[in-house]
């Protein structure tokens, strides 16, 4: 007979991977999930990121757009846009209607942006865009700001003849 202190047969062990080998897999899965959740789900009005906005009831557009192509304030140009029926100027109203819902929203805090400089251009947009108040400053200081600025480029080209980012106004 075996004494109570004598070791018995070893219990069956399950194969357990060390955490050091699972770490990269867990990080990869978490990153993939975060990217999937952060990339264009449905918003409150049924549209998704990048889709043209649906006009809100009574949502007139009346904007003042100021362009400073060299960023110094010495050569600014200002244009008014009114899209309430006839739409003036019509090309700008059409371009505004094609913007996604979040076009004028600031870049969220903590978003990683490429550190690339796109030029000194500064655009200020103030007023109402389809009934929603807008007070935005657009620049080309990094990759996120450039993307945001580029959303409005068709509007700027309609308002300021001959405008191209990084250049002065005119041909």
Protein backbone atom coordinates (compact mmCIF):
# COMPACT_ATOMS: atom_id res chain seq x y z
CA UNK A 1 0.00 0.00 0.00
CA UNK A 2 1.13 3.54 -0.74
CA UNK A 3 1.59 6.02 2.05
CA UNK A 4 -0.60 9.12 1.98
CA UNK A 5 2.50 11.31 1.35
CA UNK A 6 3.60 9.31 -1.66
CA UNK A 7 3.12 11.04 -4.98
CA UNK A 8 0.37 9.62 -7.08
CA UNK A 9 0.08 9.65 -10.83
CA UNK A 10 0.42 13.10 -12.41
CA UNK A 11 -2.87 14.65 -13.48
CA UNK A 12 -3.38 15.07 -17.20
CA UNK A 13 -2.22 18.50 -18.41
CA UNK A 14 -3.78 20.54 -21.14
CA UNK A 15 -1.39 22.10 -23.58
CA UNK A 16 -1.18 25.78 -22.62
CA UNK A 17 0.64 28.26 -24.83
CA UNK A 18 2.78 30.79 -23.05
CA UNK A 19 1.28 34.29 -23.00
CA UNK A 20 4.33 35.64 -24.76
CA UNK A 21 3.30 33.67 -27.85
CA UNK A 22 -0.36 34.70 -27.61
CA UNK A 23 0.33 38.40 -27.09
CA UNK A 24 0.81 39.35 -30.77
CA UNK A 25 -2.27 37.37 -31.79
CA UNK A 26 -4.41 39.08 -29.14
CA UNK A 27 -3.09 42.51 -30.13
CA UNK A 28 -3.80 41.74 -33.80
CA UNK A 29 -7.37 40.65 -33.08
CA UNK A 30 -8.00 43.71 -30.91
CA UNK A 31 -6.58 46.03 -33.57
CA UNK A 32 -8.70 44.44 -36.30
CA UNK A 33 -11.82 44.79 -34.15
CA UNK A 34 -11.05 48.44 -33.37
CA UNK A 35 -10.53 49.25 -37.03
CA UNK A 36 -13.74 47.50 -38.04
CA UNK A 37 -15.72 49.41 -35.41
CA UNK A 38 -14.14 52.75 -36.30
CA UNK A 39 -14.55 52.57 -40.06
CA UNK A 40 -17.87 53.91 -41.23
CA UNK A 41 -20.77 52.37 -39.45
CA UNK A 42 -24.25 53.74 -39.79
CA UNK A 43 -25.00 57.08 -38.22
CA UNK A 44 -28.26 58.47 -36.86
CA UNK A 45 -29.78 59.40 -40.23
CA UNK A 46 -29.09 56.05 -41.87
CA UNK A 47 -26.13 57.23 -43.97
CA UNK A 48 -22.53 56.31 -43.45
CA UNK A 49 -19.23 58.17 -43.60
CA UNK A 50 -18.50 59.64 -46.99
CA UNK A 51 -22.09 59.53 -48.25
CA UNK A 52 -23.81 62.77 -49.24
CA UNK A 53 -25.84 64.27 -46.44
CA UNK A 54 -29.61 64.10 -46.52
CA UNK A 55 -31.13 67.58 -46.37
CA UNK A 56 -32.65 68.33 -43.00
CA UNK A 57 -36.15 69.81 -42.90
CA UNK A 58 -35.88 73.57 -43.37
CA UNK A 59 -32.12 73.10 -43.62
CA UNK A 60 -31.04 76.10 -45.64
CA UNK A 61 -27.39 76.74 -46.35
CA UNK A 62 -25.93 80.21 -45.82
CA UNK A 63 -22.16 80.26 -45.53
CA UNK A 64 -19.35 82.77 -45.53
CA UNK A 65 -16.19 81.15 -46.87
CA UNK A 66 -12.87 82.96 -46.46
CA UNK A 67 -9.79 81.70 -48.28
CA UNK A 68 -6.25 82.68 -47.32
CA UNK A 69 -4.11 80.83 -49.88
CA UNK A 70 -0.74 81.82 -48.43
CA UNK A 71 -1.75 81.62 -44.77
CA UNK A 72 -0.45 85.10 -43.94
CA UNK A 73 -3.75 86.98 -44.02
CA UNK A 74 -2.42 89.39 -46.63
CA UNK A 75 -4.35 88.03 -49.63
CA UNK A 76 -7.69 86.73 -48.41
CA UNK A 77 -10.82 86.37 -50.52
CA UNK A 78 -14.36 85.93 -49.20
CA UNK A 79 -17.40 84.39 -50.87
CA UNK A 80 -21.02 83.99 -49.79
CA UNK A 81 -23.01 80.84 -50.52
CA UNK A 82 -26.81 80.70 -50.26
CA UNK A 83 -28.54 77.45 -51.13
CA UNK A 84 -32.19 78.14 -50.40
CA UNK A 85 -34.11 77.50 -53.56
CA UNK A 86 -32.22 78.96 -56.53
CA UNK A 87 -28.80 78.39 -54.96
CA UNK A 88 -26.05 80.96 -55.45
CA UNK A 89 -23.63 80.04 -56.82
CA UNK A 90 -25.25 76.85 -58.15
CA UNK A 91 -22.00 74.88 -58.61
CA UNK A 92 -21.00 75.53 -55.00
CA UNK A 93 -24.44 74.45 -53.74
CA UNK A 94 -24.18 71.21 -55.70
CA UNK A 95 -20.68 70.55 -54.31
CA UNK A 96 -21.88 71.25 -50.75
CA UNK A 97 -24.76 68.78 -51.19
CA UNK A 98 -22.22 66.06 -52.02
CA UNK A 99 -20.28 66.49 -48.76
CA UNK A 100 -20.45 63.77 -46.10
CA UNK A 101 -22.23 64.61 -42.83
CA UNK A 102 -18.99 65.03 -40.91
CA UNK A 103 -17.11 67.09 -43.52
CA UNK A 104 -16.71 70.16 -41.30
CA UNK A 105 -16.14 68.26 -38.06
CA UNK A 106 -12.71 68.73 -36.47
CA UNK A 107 -10.27 65.82 -36.47
CA UNK A 108 -10.94 63.87 -33.23
CA UNK A 109 -8.35 64.03 -30.46
CA UNK A 110 -5.89 61.14 -30.44
CA UNK A 111 -6.18 60.27 -34.14
CA UNK A 112 -2.83 59.37 -35.66
CA UNK A 113 -2.15 61.62 -38.65
CA UNK A 114 0.68 61.48 -41.14
CA UNK A 115 3.16 64.28 -40.58
CA UNK A 116 3.10 65.71 -44.07
CA UNK A 117 2.74 69.39 -44.87
CA UNK A 118 0.33 70.27 -47.66
CA UNK A 119 0.81 74.02 -47.85
CA UNK A 120 -0.07 77.24 -46.03
CA UNK A 121 -3.71 77.47 -47.20
CA UNK A 122 -6.31 78.37 -44.56
CA UNK A 123 -10.07 78.34 -45.14
CA UNK A 124 -12.66 79.59 -42.65
CA UNK A 125 -16.26 78.42 -43.07
CA UNK A 126 -18.99 80.05 -40.98
CA UNK A 127 -22.77 79.93 -41.05
CA UNK A 128 -25.33 77.18 -41.62
CA UNK A 129 -24.81 74.08 -43.73
CA UNK A 130 -28.14 72.35 -44.41
CA UNK A 131 -29.55 73.86 -41.24
CA UNK A 132 -26.61 72.94 -39.00
CA UNK A 133 -24.31 75.61 -37.59
CA UNK A 134 -20.76 75.46 -38.92
CA UNK A 135 -17.66 77.28 -37.67
CA UNK A 136 -14.67 75.49 -39.14
CA UNK A 137 -11.08 76.34 -39.94
CA UNK A 138 -9.47 74.12 -42.55
CA UNK A 139 -5.69 73.87 -43.03
CA UNK A 140 -3.20 71.60 -44.76
CA UNK A 141 -0.88 71.12 -41.78
CA UNK A 142 -0.89 67.30 -41.66
CA UNK A 143 -2.46 64.29 -43.37
CA UNK A 144 -5.75 64.47 -41.43
CA UNK A 145 -6.12 68.22 -42.03
CA UNK A 146 -5.34 67.75 -45.73
CA UNK A 147 -8.05 65.08 -46.07
CA UNK A 148 -10.56 67.37 -44.36
CA UNK A 149 -9.51 70.29 -46.58
CA UNK A 150 -9.77 68.17 -49.74
CA UNK A 151 -13.42 67.40 -48.97
CA UNK A 152 -14.17 71.09 -49.53
CA UNK A 153 -11.90 71.51 -52.56
CA UNK A 154 -14.77 71.22 -55.13
CA UNK A 155 -16.62 73.96 -53.24
CA UNK A 156 -13.52 76.18 -53.13
CA UNK A 157 -12.89 75.70 -56.84
CA UNK A 158 -16.48 76.83 -57.56
CA UNK A 159 -16.19 79.88 -55.31
CA UNK A 160 -12.66 81.06 -56.13
CA UNK A 161 -11.88 80.94 -59.85
CA UNK A 162 -8.43 79.55 -60.59
CA UNK A 163 -7.78 78.42 -57.02
CA UNK A 164 -5.46 75.47 -56.50
CA UNK A 165 -4.10 74.48 -53.07
CA UNK A 166 -0.61 75.77 -52.40
CA UNK A 167 -0.92 78.55 -54.97
CA UNK A 168 -2.33 82.02 -54.93
CA UNK A 169 -5.77 82.77 -56.35
CA UNK A 170 -5.88 83.32 -60.09
CA UNK A 171 -4.48 81.65 -63.21
